[in-house]
Amino acid sequence: MTDTLVRIGELATRAGVSNRTIDYYTSLGLLTPAERTAGGYRLYQPGDVDRIHLIQRLEAQGIPLEEIATALNARPGDTGKALAQIDGDLKNLQTAAETAPAEIQGLLNVIAARVHSLVSVALQIPPDLPML
């Protein structure tokens, strides 16, 4: 990919989504145009293709788009707080799994697998992905 800005149609084509998806993601704050042309066309960074793919992976894991937007737009200082919350939640889940009746342990194992999957997706986020 080149470093030149691209119009919405080119971004959509590169990402394999529709223009309407780009519009929708922009309206939710998931994407932000880098600039506008004199004619009013929105221009995006080519790297926004990676951001769109990340959004799709997170959404496929069941995370609502509004929550994805909040996470992607969080300030760097918010990361520590979020990790501390996840750590606490995982400790609570582990304690609950250890003391739960057998019929509940299966459900807790499913939840733990889901958390593991979400953490795996989060760890795949490129460190240089622009977080608006």
C-alpha atoms as a PDB file:
ATOM      1  CA  MET A   1       0.000   0.000   0.000  1.00  0.00           C
ATOM      2  CA  THR A   2       1.131   3.524  -0.656  1.00  0.00           C
ATOM      3  CA  ASP A   3       1.253   6.294   1.913  1.00  0.00           C
ATOM      4  CA  THR A   4      -1.066   8.535  -0.083  1.00  0.00           C
ATOM      5  CA  LEU A   5      -4.511   9.244   1.265  1.00  0.00           C
ATOM      6  CA  VAL A   6      -7.404   7.375  -0.335  1.00  0.00           C
ATOM      7  CA  ARG A   7     -11.036   8.203  -0.958  1.00  0.00           C
ATOM      8  CA  ILE A   8     -13.788   6.251   0.708  1.00  0.00           C
ATOM      9  CA  GLY A   9     -14.376   4.009  -2.322  1.00  0.00           C
ATOM     10  CA  GLU A  10     -10.724   3.007  -2.541  1.00  0.00           C
ATOM     11  CA  LEU A  11     -10.597   2.316   1.204  1.00  0.00           C
ATOM     12  CA  ALA A  12     -13.733   0.195   0.954  1.00  0.00           C
ATOM     13  CA  THR A  13     -12.298  -1.785  -1.949  1.00  0.00           C
ATOM     14  CA  ARG A  14      -8.989  -2.401  -0.196  1.00  0.00           C
ATOM     15  CA  ALA A  15     -10.747  -3.483   3.006  1.00  0.00           C
ATOM     16  CA  GLY A  16     -13.341  -5.611   1.210  1.00  0.00           C
ATOM     17  CA  VAL A  17     -16.309  -3.714   2.651  1.00  0.00           C
ATOM     18  CA  SER A  18     -18.947  -1.395   1.254  1.00  0.00           C
ATOM     19  CA  ASN A  19     -18.873   2.400   1.228  1.00  0.00           C
ATOM     20  CA  ARG A  20     -21.838   2.255   3.612  1.00  0.00           C
ATOM     21  CA  THR A  21     -19.735   0.294   6.093  1.00  0.00           C
ATOM     22  CA  ILE A  22     -17.068   3.002   5.962  1.00  0.00           C
ATOM     23  CA  ASP A  23     -19.767   5.643   6.492  1.00  0.00           C
ATOM     24  CA  TYR A  24     -21.210   3.697   9.414  1.00  0.00           C
ATOM     25  CA  TYR A  25     -17.825   3.134  11.047  1.00  0.00           C
ATOM     26  CA  THR A  26     -17.053   6.838  10.597  1.00  0.00           C
ATOM     27  CA  SER A  27     -20.365   7.841  12.204  1.00  0.00           C
ATOM     28  CA  LEU A  28     -19.561   5.655  15.230  1.00  0.00           C
ATOM     29  CA  GLY A  29     -16.086   7.143  15.589  1.00  0.00           C
ATOM     30  CA  LEU A  30     -14.342   3.911  14.596  1.00  0.00           C
ATOM     31  CA  LEU A  31     -12.715   5.660  11.635  1.00  0.00           C
ATOM     32  CA  THR A  32     -11.784   9.296  11.193  1.00  0.00           C
ATOM     33  CA  PRO A  33     -10.966  10.852   7.829  1.00  0.00           C
ATOM     34  CA  ALA A  34      -7.425  12.218   7.693  1.00  0.00           C
ATOM     35  CA  GLU A  35      -8.657  15.227   5.737  1.00  0.00           C
ATOM     36  CA  ARG A  36     -11.154  16.439   3.169  1.00  0.00           C
ATOM     37  CA  THR A  37     -10.569  17.576  -0.381  1.00  0.00           C
ATOM     38  CA  ALA A  38     -11.653  20.985  -1.634  1.00  0.00           C
ATOM     39  CA  GLY A  39     -14.637  19.184  -3.127  1.00  0.00           C
ATOM     40  CA  GLY A  40     -15.599  17.743   0.253  1.00  0.00           C
ATOM     41  CA  TYR A  41     -14.428  14.158  -0.340  1.00  0.00           C
ATOM     42  CA  ARG A  42     -13.237  12.369   2.769  1.00  0.00           C
ATOM     43  CA  LEU A  43      -9.702  11.031   2.564  1.00  0.00           C
ATOM     44  CA  TYR A  44      -8.465   8.173   4.742  1.00  0.00           C
ATOM     45  CA  GLN A  45      -5.089   6.732   5.648  1.00  0.00           C
ATOM     46  CA  PRO A  46      -4.241   3.491   3.804  1.00  0.00           C
ATOM     47  CA  GLY A  47      -3.541   1.984   7.247  1.00  0.00           C
ATOM     48  CA  ASP A  48      -7.237   2.288   8.014  1.00  0.00           C
ATOM     49  CA  VAL A  49      -7.625  -1.019   6.134  1.00  0.00           C
ATOM     50  CA  ASP A  50      -5.893  -2.738   9.076  1.00  0.00           C
ATOM     51  CA  ARG A  51      -8.137  -0.878  11.494  1.00  0.00           C
ATOM     52  CA  ILE A  52     -11.245  -2.053   9.615  1.00  0.00           C
ATOM     53  CA  HIS A  53     -10.023  -5.654   9.738  1.00  0.00           C
ATOM     54  CA  LEU A  54      -9.378  -5.325  13.479  1.00  0.00           C
ATOM     55  CA  ILE A  55     -12.883  -3.931  13.996  1.00  0.00           C
ATOM     56  CA  GLN A  56     -14.329  -6.864  12.064  1.00  0.00           C
ATOM     57  CA  ARG A  57     -12.361  -9.417  14.129  1.00  0.00           C
ATOM     58  CA  LEU A  58     -13.513  -7.828  17.382  1.00  0.00           C
ATOM     59  CA  GLU A  59     -17.103  -7.636  16.192  1.00  0.00           C
ATOM     60  CA  ALA A  60     -16.956 -11.316  15.177  1.00  0.00           C
ATOM     61  CA  GLN A  61     -16.024 -12.055  18.799  1.00  0.00           C
ATOM     62  CA  GLY A  62     -19.324 -10.487  19.859  1.00  0.00           C
ATOM     63  CA  ILE A  63     -18.040  -7.110  21.003  1.00  0.00           C
ATOM     64  CA  PRO A  64     -20.522  -4.319  20.187  1.00  0.00           C
ATOM     65  CA  LEU A  65     -19.241  -1.650  17.816  1.00  0.00           C
ATOM     66  CA  GLU A  66     -19.850   1.052  20.403  1.00  0.00           C
ATOM     67  CA  GLU A  67     -17.523  -0.744  22.845  1.00  0.00           C
ATOM     68  CA  ILE A  68     -14.918  -1.193  20.122  1.00  0.00           C
ATOM     69  CA  ALA A  69     -15.072   2.545  19.404  1.00  0.00           C
ATOM     70  CA  THR A  70     -14.607   3.329  23.095  1.00  0.00           C
ATOM     71  CA  ALA A  71     -11.603   0.994  23.338  1.00  0.00           C
ATOM     72  CA  LEU A  72      -9.966   2.231  20.131  1.00  0.00           C
ATOM     73  CA  ASN A  73     -10.397   5.852  21.129  1.00  0.00           C
ATOM     74  CA  ALA A  74      -9.159   5.395  24.699  1.00  0.00           C
ATOM     75  CA  ARG A  75      -6.192   7.454  25.802  1.00  0.00           C
ATOM     76  CA  PRO A  76      -2.970   5.501  26.405  1.00  0.00           C
ATOM     77  CA  GLY A  77      -3.327   6.018  30.158  1.00  0.00           C
ATOM     78  CA  ASP A  78      -6.631   4.129  30.098  1.00  0.00           C
ATOM     79  CA  THR A  79      -4.863   0.895  29.132  1.00  0.00           C
ATOM     80  CA  GLY A  80      -3.476   0.200  32.590  1.00  0.00           C
ATOM     81  CA  LYS A  81      -6.884   0.663  34.168  1.00  0.00           C
ATOM     82  CA  ALA A  82      -8.482  -1.667  31.601  1.00  0.00           C
ATOM     83  CA  LEU A  83      -5.812  -4.340  32.147  1.00  0.00           C
ATOM     84  CA  ALA A  84      -6.268  -4.129  35.916  1.00  0.00           C
ATOM     85  CA  GLN A  85     -10.018  -4.613  35.466  1.00  0.00           C
ATOM     86  CA  ILE A  86      -9.476  -7.632  33.193  1.00  0.00           C
ATOM     87  CA  ASP A  87      -7.015  -9.105  35.696  1.00  0.00           C
ATOM     88  CA  GLY A  88      -9.543  -8.731  38.507  1.00  0.00           C
ATOM     89  CA  ASP A  89     -12.321 -10.209  36.419  1.00  0.00           C
ATOM     90  CA  LEU A  90     -10.186 -13.203  35.460  1.00  0.00           C
ATOM     91  CA  LYS A  91      -9.274 -13.827  39.111  1.00  0.00           C
ATOM     92  CA  ASN A  92     -12.973 -13.717  40.030  1.00  0.00           C
ATOM     93  CA  LEU A  93     -13.787 -16.119  37.208  1.00  0.00           C
ATOM     94  CA  GLN A  94     -11.075 -18.523  38.338  1.00  0.00           C
ATOM     95  CA  THR A  95     -12.339 -18.424  41.931  1.00  0.00           C
ATOM     96  CA  ALA A  96     -15.912 -18.986  40.773  1.00  0.00           C
ATOM     97  CA  ALA A  97     -14.873 -21.916  38.584  1.00  0.00           C
ATOM     98  CA  GLU A  98     -13.023 -23.575  41.463  1.00  0.00           C
ATOM     99  CA  THR A  99     -15.987 -23.371  43.822  1.00  0.00           C
ATOM    100  CA  ALA A 100     -18.876 -23.828  41.390  1.00  0.00           C
ATOM    101  CA  PRO A 101     -21.091 -26.905  41.239  1.00  0.00           C
ATOM    102  CA  ALA A 102     -20.268 -29.321  38.423  1.00  0.00           C
ATOM    103  CA  GLU A 103     -23.236 -28.222  36.281  1.00  0.00           C
ATOM    104  CA  ILE A 104     -21.979 -24.604  36.316  1.00  0.00           C
ATOM    105  CA  GLN A 105     -18.322 -25.432  35.674  1.00  0.00           C
ATOM    106  CA  GLY A 106     -19.042 -26.183  31.997  1.00  0.00           C
ATOM    107  CA  LEU A 107     -20.501 -22.712  31.516  1.00  0.00           C
ATOM    108  CA  LEU A 108     -17.563 -21.122  33.293  1.00  0.00           C
ATOM    109  CA  ASN A 109     -15.172 -23.067  31.064  1.00  0.00           C
ATOM    110  CA  VAL A 110     -16.969 -21.663  28.000  1.00  0.00           C
ATOM    111  CA  ILE A 111     -16.666 -18.160  29.429  1.00  0.00           C
ATOM    112  CA  ALA A 112     -12.974 -18.694  30.149  1.00  0.00           C
ATOM    113  CA  ALA A 113     -12.417 -19.897  26.564  1.00  0.00           C
ATOM    114  CA  ARG A 114     -14.206 -16.797  25.290  1.00  0.00           C
ATOM    115  CA  VAL A 115     -12.028 -14.531  27.404  1.00  0.00           C
ATOM    116  CA  HIS A 116      -8.938 -16.331  26.136  1.00  0.00           C
ATOM    117  CA  SER A 117     -10.103 -15.803  22.548  1.00  0.00           C
ATOM    118  CA  LEU A 118     -10.688 -12.090  23.147  1.00  0.00           C
ATOM    119  CA  VAL A 119      -7.296 -11.649  24.765  1.00  0.00           C
ATOM    120  CA  SER A 120      -5.708 -13.458  21.801  1.00  0.00           C
ATOM    121  CA  VAL A 121      -7.376 -11.011  19.406  1.00  0.00           C
ATOM    122  CA  ALA A 122      -6.234  -8.065  21.520  1.00  0.00           C
ATOM    123  CA  LEU A 123      -2.657  -9.303  21.484  1.00  0.00           C
ATOM    124  CA  GLN A 124      -2.748  -9.345  17.680  1.00  0.00           C
ATOM    125  CA  ILE A 125      -3.407  -5.605  17.518  1.00  0.00           C
ATOM    126  CA  PRO A 126      -0.384  -4.087  15.800  1.00  0.00           C
ATOM    127  CA  PRO A 127       1.422  -1.735  18.186  1.00  0.00           C
ATOM    128  CA  ASP A 128       1.645   0.918  15.466  1.00  0.00           C
ATOM    129  CA  LEU A 129      -2.084   0.851  14.639  1.00  0.00           C
ATOM    130  CA  PRO A 130      -3.313   4.444  14.947  1.00  0.00           C
ATOM    131  CA  MET A 131      -5.646   4.724  17.934  1.00  0.00           C
ATOM    132  CA  LEU A 132      -7.436   7.955  17.143  1.00  0.00           C
END
